[in-house]
Protein backbone atom coordinates (compact mmCIF):
# COMPACT_ATOMS: atom_id res chain seq x y z
CA MET A 1 -89.31 271.71 29.57
CA THR A 2 -90.42 268.31 30.79
CA ARG A 3 -88.32 268.56 33.95
CA VAL A 4 -89.79 271.97 34.83
CA ARG A 5 -93.31 270.71 34.29
CA THR A 6 -92.60 267.65 36.46
CA TRP A 7 -91.28 269.80 39.32
CA TRP A 8 -94.23 272.15 38.96
CA THR A 9 -96.65 269.22 39.21
CA ILE A 10 -94.82 267.90 42.28
CA ALA A 11 -94.96 271.35 43.90
CA GLU A 12 -98.69 271.72 43.16
CA THR A 13 -99.43 268.26 44.53
CA ALA A 14 -97.43 268.93 47.70
CA ALA A 15 -99.10 272.31 48.25
CA ALA A 16 -102.55 270.80 47.72
CA ALA A 17 -101.81 267.96 50.14
CA LEU A 18 -100.58 270.37 52.81
CA SER A 19 -103.42 272.86 52.46
CA THR A 20 -106.33 270.45 52.09
CA PRO A 21 -107.86 269.46 55.42
CA ARG A 22 -108.42 265.79 56.09
CA VAL A 23 -112.11 264.96 56.14
CA ASP A 24 -113.60 262.10 58.12
CA VAL A 25 -116.31 261.09 55.68
CA GLY A 26 -118.24 258.99 58.19
CA HIS A 27 -118.32 261.82 60.71
CA ALA A 28 -119.35 264.32 58.03
CA ASP A 29 -122.16 262.01 56.90
CA ALA A 30 -123.35 261.62 60.49
CA ASP A 31 -123.39 265.40 60.92
CA VAL A 32 -125.46 265.88 57.77
CA GLU A 33 -127.86 263.11 58.80
CA LEU A 34 -128.32 264.76 62.20
CA LEU A 35 -129.05 268.11 60.56
CA VAL A 36 -131.59 266.54 58.23
CA ARG A 37 -133.31 264.57 60.99
CA ARG A 38 -133.64 267.73 63.11
CA SER A 39 -135.16 269.74 60.26
CA TRP A 40 -138.81 270.74 60.04
CA LEU A 41 -139.04 269.07 56.64
CA TRP A 42 -138.00 265.69 58.11
CA ARG A 43 -140.56 266.06 60.92
CA ALA A 44 -143.28 266.96 58.42
CA GLY A 45 -142.38 263.95 56.28
CA THR A 46 -142.44 261.67 59.32
CA ARG A 47 -145.88 262.95 60.32
CA LEU A 48 -147.17 262.50 56.78
CA ALA A 49 -145.80 258.95 56.60
CA ALA A 50 -147.45 258.11 59.94
CA LYS A 51 -150.81 259.46 58.75
CA ILE A 52 -150.58 257.53 55.49
CA SER A 53 -149.63 254.36 57.36
CA ALA A 54 -152.55 254.75 59.77
CA ALA A 55 -154.94 255.44 56.90
CA TRP A 56 -153.67 252.38 55.01
CA ILE A 57 -154.15 250.13 58.03
CA ASP A 58 -157.79 251.24 58.31
CA SER A 59 -158.48 251.39 54.58
CA ARG A 60 -161.08 249.38 52.74
CA CYS A 61 -158.70 249.06 49.78
CA ARG A 62 -156.15 247.23 51.99
CA ARG A 63 -158.75 244.74 53.14
CA ILE A 64 -159.91 244.08 49.56
CA ALA A 65 -156.33 243.70 48.32
CA GLY A 66 -155.52 241.37 51.22
CA ALA A 67 -158.57 239.24 50.54
CA ALA A 68 -157.73 239.07 46.84
CA ALA A 69 -154.16 238.03 47.63
CA ARG A 70 -155.36 235.29 49.97
CA ASN A 71 -157.80 234.00 47.32
CA ARG A 72 -155.00 233.73 44.73
CA ARG A 73 -153.16 231.12 46.79
């Protein structure tokens, strides 16, 4: 029974290796990244991040925090 099971495992492994396509992981990752970066959700997130960054630069809280950090030194 052990010999039959061994040959069956070899046959399964060979069939899986022959029928499974080779995947270039780096290329697949690049494709997914391109899809995400072209999505409306990515663009909306980028716009939101830009608005938050601009608001932070002009914020009173940033100036107070910066002054407090300079006074701690």
